[in-house]
Amino acid sequence: MAAAGQVRAPDGAGEEDVTGDERAVDLRLVGHTDEAQVDRTLITGDVLFAGSIGRTDLPGGSHEAMMRSLRHAVAPRADSSLVLPGHGPATTLGREKATNPYLQDIA
């Protein structure tokens, strides 16, 4: 944990993801709380959908790896986080923790 007022750069923090003309950067700022994340929006692609998860039967897919991603990178985030899947309706992480059968045992 960083000392008050110090910026700690966790793995992946500050990494930039560029798709076409769109750019996303993982930023972590201090001040409001010990480790306030700027944005509470999760762009989950085809990993997490409203009510389901993505297919893992495609080349390179792994159900175990997807569940690890959900357990360690997605589930710990705030319930109020907006989830934007690769397709289908947007949802919130809290709704998915409460209703998505794939998150029941890990959330």
N, C-alpha and C. Protein backbone atom coordinates (compact mmCIF):
# COMPACT_ATOMS: atom_id res chain seq x y z
N MET A 1 0.85 -1.17 0.00
CA MET A 1 0.00 0.00 0.00
C MET A 1 0.90 1.23 0.00
N ALA A 2 0.59 2.22 -0.80
CA ALA A 2 1.36 3.45 -0.89
C ALA A 2 1.08 4.33 0.32
N ALA A 3 2.10 5.08 0.71
CA ALA A 3 1.91 6.03 1.79
C ALA A 3 0.98 7.14 1.30
N ALA A 4 0.30 7.79 2.25
CA ALA A 4 -0.63 8.86 1.88
C ALA A 4 0.07 9.88 1.00
N GLY A 5 -0.58 10.22 -0.10
CA GLY A 5 -0.06 11.23 -1.01
C GLY A 5 0.90 10.70 -2.05
N GLN A 6 1.25 9.43 -1.98
CA GLN A 6 2.16 8.85 -2.97
C GLN A 6 1.36 8.08 -4.00
N VAL A 7 1.78 8.16 -5.22
CA VAL A 7 1.14 7.41 -6.29
C VAL A 7 1.83 6.05 -6.39
N ARG A 8 1.04 5.00 -6.34
CA ARG A 8 1.56 3.64 -6.51
C ARG A 8 1.09 3.15 -7.86
N ALA A 9 1.99 2.61 -8.61
CA ALA A 9 1.64 2.11 -9.95
C ALA A 9 1.56 0.60 -9.91
N PRO A 10 0.34 0.03 -9.71
CA PRO A 10 0.21 -1.43 -9.73
C PRO A 10 0.46 -1.97 -11.13
N ASP A 11 0.66 -3.28 -11.21
CA ASP A 11 0.87 -3.90 -12.51
C ASP A 11 -0.20 -3.45 -13.48
N GLY A 12 0.22 -2.99 -14.63
CA GLY A 12 -0.72 -2.59 -15.67
C GLY A 12 -1.19 -1.15 -15.56
N ALA A 13 -0.96 -0.48 -14.44
CA ALA A 13 -1.42 0.90 -14.29
C ALA A 13 -0.67 1.78 -15.28
N GLY A 14 -1.39 2.65 -15.91
CA GLY A 14 -0.80 3.54 -16.88
C GLY A 14 -0.69 2.95 -18.27
N GLU A 15 -1.01 1.68 -18.41
CA GLU A 15 -0.96 1.06 -19.72
C GLU A 15 -2.07 1.64 -20.59
N GLU A 16 -1.75 1.84 -21.82
CA GLU A 16 -2.70 2.43 -22.76
C GLU A 16 -3.19 1.37 -23.72
N ASP A 17 -4.49 1.37 -23.98
CA ASP A 17 -5.10 0.45 -24.92
C ASP A 17 -5.74 1.30 -26.01
N VAL A 18 -5.32 1.11 -27.24
CA VAL A 18 -5.83 1.90 -28.35
C VAL A 18 -6.55 0.98 -29.33
N THR A 19 -7.77 1.34 -29.66
CA THR A 19 -8.55 0.62 -30.66
C THR A 19 -9.12 1.66 -31.62
N GLY A 20 -8.59 1.67 -32.83
CA GLY A 20 -9.04 2.69 -33.79
C GLY A 20 -8.74 4.07 -33.24
N ASP A 21 -9.77 4.91 -33.14
CA ASP A 21 -9.60 6.26 -32.62
C ASP A 21 -9.87 6.35 -31.13
N GLU A 22 -10.21 5.22 -30.50
CA GLU A 22 -10.53 5.21 -29.07
C GLU A 22 -9.30 4.84 -28.26
N ARG A 23 -9.16 5.46 -27.08
CA ARG A 23 -8.01 5.22 -26.22
C ARG A 23 -8.48 5.07 -24.78
N ALA A 24 -7.99 4.06 -24.09
CA ALA A 24 -8.30 3.88 -22.67
C ALA A 24 -6.99 3.73 -21.91
N VAL A 25 -6.91 4.38 -20.76
CA VAL A 25 -5.72 4.30 -19.92
C VAL A 25 -6.15 3.95 -18.51
N ASP A 26 -5.46 3.00 -17.89
CA ASP A 26 -5.72 2.63 -16.50
C ASP A 26 -4.97 3.63 -15.62
N LEU A 27 -5.70 4.49 -14.95
CA LEU A 27 -5.11 5.48 -14.05
C LEU A 27 -5.53 5.22 -12.62
N ARG A 28 -4.61 5.38 -11.71
CA ARG A 28 -4.93 5.28 -10.29
C ARG A 28 -4.46 6.57 -9.64
N LEU A 29 -5.33 7.21 -8.90
CA LEU A 29 -5.02 8.47 -8.24
C LEU A 29 -5.22 8.34 -6.75
N VAL A 30 -4.50 9.13 -5.99
CA VAL A 30 -4.67 9.14 -4.54
C VAL A 30 -5.33 10.44 -4.13
N GLY A 31 -5.81 10.47 -2.91
CA GLY A 31 -6.41 11.69 -2.39
C GLY A 31 -7.79 11.45 -1.83
N HIS A 32 -8.70 10.96 -2.65
CA HIS A 32 -10.07 10.71 -2.20
C HIS A 32 -10.08 9.54 -1.21
N THR A 33 -9.50 8.45 -1.62
CA THR A 33 -9.29 7.29 -0.75
C THR A 33 -7.88 6.82 -1.01
N ASP A 34 -7.47 5.77 -0.35
CA ASP A 34 -6.11 5.28 -0.52
C ASP A 34 -5.79 4.96 -1.97
N GLU A 35 -6.75 4.39 -2.68
CA GLU A 35 -6.49 3.98 -4.06
C GLU A 35 -7.75 4.14 -4.90
N ALA A 36 -8.14 5.38 -5.16
CA ALA A 36 -9.35 5.63 -5.93
C ALA A 36 -9.05 5.47 -7.41
N GLN A 37 -9.84 4.67 -8.08
CA GLN A 37 -9.68 4.50 -9.51
C GLN A 37 -10.55 5.54 -10.21
N VAL A 38 -9.99 6.17 -11.22
CA VAL A 38 -10.66 7.25 -11.90
C VAL A 38 -12.00 6.82 -12.47
N ASP A 39 -12.03 5.71 -13.13
CA ASP A 39 -13.23 5.31 -13.84
C ASP A 39 -13.74 3.98 -13.32
N ARG A 40 -15.02 3.88 -13.11
CA ARG A 40 -15.62 2.64 -12.64
C ARG A 40 -16.35 1.94 -13.78
N THR A 41 -15.82 2.04 -14.98
CA THR A 41 -16.41 1.37 -16.14
C THR A 41 -15.51 0.21 -16.53
N LEU A 42 -16.10 -0.97 -16.64
CA LEU A 42 -15.37 -2.15 -17.05
C LEU A 42 -15.77 -2.50 -18.48
N ILE A 43 -14.82 -2.46 -19.38
CA ILE A 43 -15.06 -2.88 -20.76
C ILE A 43 -14.62 -4.34 -20.81
N THR A 44 -15.60 -5.24 -20.76
CA THR A 44 -15.29 -6.66 -20.58
C THR A 44 -15.22 -7.46 -21.87
N GLY A 45 -15.49 -6.82 -22.99
CA GLY A 45 -15.43 -7.56 -24.26
C GLY A 45 -16.34 -8.76 -24.21
N ASP A 46 -15.82 -9.90 -24.63
CA ASP A 46 -16.62 -11.13 -24.65
C ASP A 46 -16.32 -12.03 -23.45
N VAL A 47 -15.84 -11.45 -22.35
CA VAL A 47 -15.60 -12.23 -21.14
C VAL A 47 -16.83 -12.25 -20.25
N LEU A 48 -17.43 -11.09 -20.02
CA LEU A 48 -18.61 -11.00 -19.14
C LEU A 48 -19.74 -10.30 -19.88
N PHE A 49 -20.89 -10.94 -19.89
CA PHE A 49 -22.11 -10.39 -20.49
C PHE A 49 -23.16 -10.25 -19.40
N ALA A 50 -24.22 -9.54 -19.69
CA ALA A 50 -25.36 -9.49 -18.78
C ALA A 50 -25.96 -10.89 -18.72
N GLY A 51 -25.82 -11.55 -17.58
CA GLY A 51 -26.40 -12.87 -17.37
C GLY A 51 -25.57 -14.05 -17.83
N SER A 52 -24.39 -13.82 -18.37
CA SER A 52 -23.60 -14.93 -18.87
C SER A 52 -22.13 -14.55 -18.99
N ILE A 53 -21.35 -15.45 -19.55
CA ILE A 53 -19.96 -15.18 -19.88
C ILE A 53 -19.72 -15.61 -21.32
N GLY A 54 -18.55 -15.29 -21.82
CA GLY A 54 -18.24 -15.63 -23.21
C GLY A 54 -17.94 -17.10 -23.42
N ARG A 55 -17.92 -17.48 -24.66
CA ARG A 55 -17.60 -18.86 -25.04
C ARG A 55 -16.12 -19.13 -24.80
N THR A 56 -15.83 -20.34 -24.44
CA THR A 56 -14.43 -20.74 -24.26
C THR A 56 -14.06 -21.92 -25.15
N ASP A 57 -14.96 -22.30 -26.05
CA ASP A 57 -14.70 -23.44 -26.92
C ASP A 57 -14.02 -23.03 -28.22
N LEU A 58 -13.62 -21.78 -28.32
CA LEU A 58 -12.93 -21.29 -29.51
C LEU A 58 -11.43 -21.52 -29.37
N PRO A 59 -10.67 -21.51 -30.48
CA PRO A 59 -9.22 -21.71 -30.38
C PRO A 59 -8.60 -20.70 -29.40
N GLY A 60 -7.82 -21.22 -28.47
CA GLY A 60 -7.18 -20.37 -27.47
C GLY A 60 -8.04 -20.09 -26.26
N GLY A 61 -9.30 -20.50 -26.29
CA GLY A 61 -10.20 -20.27 -25.17
C GLY A 61 -9.91 -21.20 -24.00
N SER A 62 -10.20 -20.73 -22.79
CA SER A 62 -9.98 -21.55 -21.61
C SER A 62 -10.98 -21.14 -20.54
N HIS A 63 -11.86 -22.06 -20.17
CA HIS A 63 -12.83 -21.77 -19.12
C HIS A 63 -12.11 -21.44 -17.81
N GLU A 64 -11.07 -22.18 -17.49
CA GLU A 64 -10.33 -21.94 -16.25
C GLU A 64 -9.70 -20.55 -16.25
N ALA A 65 -9.09 -20.14 -17.37
CA ALA A 65 -8.48 -18.81 -17.46
C ALA A 65 -9.54 -17.72 -17.36
N MET A 66 -10.69 -17.94 -17.99
CA MET A 66 -11.75 -16.94 -17.92
C MET A 66 -12.25 -16.78 -16.49
N MET A 67 -12.43 -17.89 -15.80
CA MET A 67 -12.90 -17.82 -14.41
C MET A 67 -11.86 -17.13 -13.52
N ARG A 68 -10.57 -17.37 -13.78
CA ARG A 68 -9.53 -16.65 -13.02
C ARG A 68 -9.61 -15.15 -13.28
N SER A 69 -9.82 -14.76 -14.53
CA SER A 69 -9.96 -13.34 -14.87
C SER A 69 -11.15 -12.74 -14.13
N LEU A 70 -12.26 -13.45 -14.14
CA LEU A 70 -13.45 -12.95 -13.46
C LEU A 70 -13.22 -12.86 -11.95
N ARG A 71 -12.60 -13.87 -11.38
CA ARG A 71 -12.38 -13.92 -9.93
C ARG A 71 -11.41 -12.83 -9.46
N HIS A 72 -10.31 -12.65 -10.19
CA HIS A 72 -9.24 -11.79 -9.70
C HIS A 72 -9.25 -10.37 -10.26
N ALA A 73 -9.81 -10.18 -11.44
CA ALA A 73 -9.77 -8.85 -12.05
C ALA A 73 -11.12 -8.16 -12.09
N VAL A 74 -12.20 -8.92 -12.12
CA VAL A 74 -13.53 -8.32 -12.26
C VAL A 74 -14.29 -8.30 -10.94
N ALA A 75 -14.45 -9.44 -10.30
CA ALA A 75 -15.29 -9.55 -9.09
C ALA A 75 -14.88 -8.60 -7.96
N PRO A 76 -13.60 -8.30 -7.75
CA PRO A 76 -13.24 -7.41 -6.65
C PRO A 76 -13.64 -5.94 -6.87
N ARG A 77 -14.03 -5.57 -8.07
CA ARG A 77 -14.37 -4.18 -8.36
C ARG A 77 -15.69 -3.80 -7.69
N ALA A 78 -15.94 -2.52 -7.62
CA ALA A 78 -17.14 -2.00 -6.96
C ALA A 78 -18.42 -2.47 -7.65
N ASP A 79 -19.44 -2.80 -6.85
CA ASP A 79 -20.72 -3.24 -7.39
C ASP A 79 -21.33 -2.19 -8.32
N SER A 80 -21.02 -0.93 -8.09
CA SER A 80 -21.59 0.14 -8.91
C SER A 80 -20.90 0.27 -10.27
N SER A 81 -19.84 -0.51 -10.51
CA SER A 81 -19.12 -0.45 -11.78
C SER A 81 -20.05 -0.77 -12.95
N LEU A 82 -20.00 0.05 -13.97
CA LEU A 82 -20.74 -0.17 -15.20
C LEU A 82 -19.99 -1.20 -16.03
N VAL A 83 -20.67 -2.23 -16.49
CA VAL A 83 -20.07 -3.27 -17.32
C VAL A 83 -20.53 -3.05 -18.76
N LEU A 84 -19.56 -2.88 -19.65
CA LEU A 84 -19.85 -2.72 -21.08
C LEU A 84 -19.30 -3.94 -21.80
N PRO A 85 -20.16 -4.91 -22.10
CA PRO A 85 -19.69 -6.12 -22.79
C PRO A 85 -19.44 -5.86 -24.28
N GLY A 86 -18.83 -6.83 -24.92
CA GLY A 86 -18.54 -6.71 -26.34
C GLY A 86 -19.79 -6.56 -27.19
N HIS A 87 -20.89 -7.12 -26.75
CA HIS A 87 -22.19 -6.93 -27.38
C HIS A 87 -23.27 -7.27 -26.37
N GLY A 88 -24.46 -6.86 -26.64
CA GLY A 88 -25.55 -7.04 -25.68
C GLY A 88 -25.66 -5.82 -24.77
N PRO A 89 -26.63 -5.86 -23.86
CA PRO A 89 -26.90 -4.69 -23.02
C PRO A 89 -25.83 -4.46 -21.96
N ALA A 90 -25.66 -3.20 -21.60
CA ALA A 90 -24.79 -2.84 -20.48
C ALA A 90 -25.46 -3.31 -19.19
N THR A 91 -24.68 -3.48 -18.15
CA THR A 91 -25.18 -3.93 -16.87
C THR A 91 -24.30 -3.32 -15.79
N THR A 92 -24.52 -3.68 -14.55
CA THR A 92 -23.62 -3.27 -13.47
C THR A 92 -23.01 -4.52 -12.88
N LEU A 93 -21.86 -4.35 -12.27
CA LEU A 93 -21.22 -5.50 -11.67
C LEU A 93 -22.05 -6.03 -10.51
N GLY A 94 -22.69 -5.16 -9.76
CA GLY A 94 -23.55 -5.60 -8.66
C GLY A 94 -24.69 -6.48 -9.15
N ARG A 95 -25.30 -6.10 -10.25
CA ARG A 95 -26.38 -6.92 -10.82
C ARG A 95 -25.85 -8.28 -11.25
N GLU A 96 -24.67 -8.28 -11.86
CA GLU A 96 -24.10 -9.56 -12.30
C GLU A 96 -23.70 -10.44 -11.12
N LYS A 97 -23.17 -9.84 -10.06
CA LYS A 97 -22.82 -10.63 -8.87
C LYS A 97 -24.08 -11.26 -8.26
N ALA A 98 -25.20 -10.56 -8.35
CA ALA A 98 -26.45 -11.05 -7.75
C ALA A 98 -27.18 -12.05 -8.64
N THR A 99 -27.04 -11.94 -9.96
CA THR A 99 -27.89 -12.74 -10.85
C THR A 99 -27.16 -13.63 -11.84
N ASN A 100 -25.92 -13.36 -12.14
CA ASN A 100 -25.21 -14.12 -13.16
C ASN A 100 -24.72 -15.44 -12.54
N PRO A 101 -25.19 -16.57 -13.04
CA PRO A 101 -24.82 -17.84 -12.43
C PRO A 101 -23.31 -18.10 -12.43
N TYR A 102 -22.57 -17.52 -13.36
CA TYR A 102 -21.13 -17.75 -13.42
C TYR A 102 -20.36 -16.97 -12.36
N LEU A 103 -21.00 -15.96 -11.79
CA LEU A 103 -20.34 -15.17 -10.75
C LEU A 103 -20.76 -15.59 -9.34
N GLN A 104 -21.72 -16.48 -9.24
CA GLN A 104 -22.26 -16.85 -7.94
C GLN A 104 -21.21 -17.44 -7.00
N ASP A 105 -20.35 -18.28 -7.50
CA ASP A 105 -19.37 -18.95 -6.64
C ASP A 105 -18.08 -18.16 -6.45
N ILE A 106 -17.92 -17.06 -7.18
CA ILE A 106 -16.66 -16.32 -7.07
C ILE A 106 -16.84 -14.92 -6.52
N ALA A 107 -18.05 -14.39 -6.52
CA ALA A 107 -18.24 -13.00 -6.10
C ALA A 107 -18.40 -12.91 -4.60
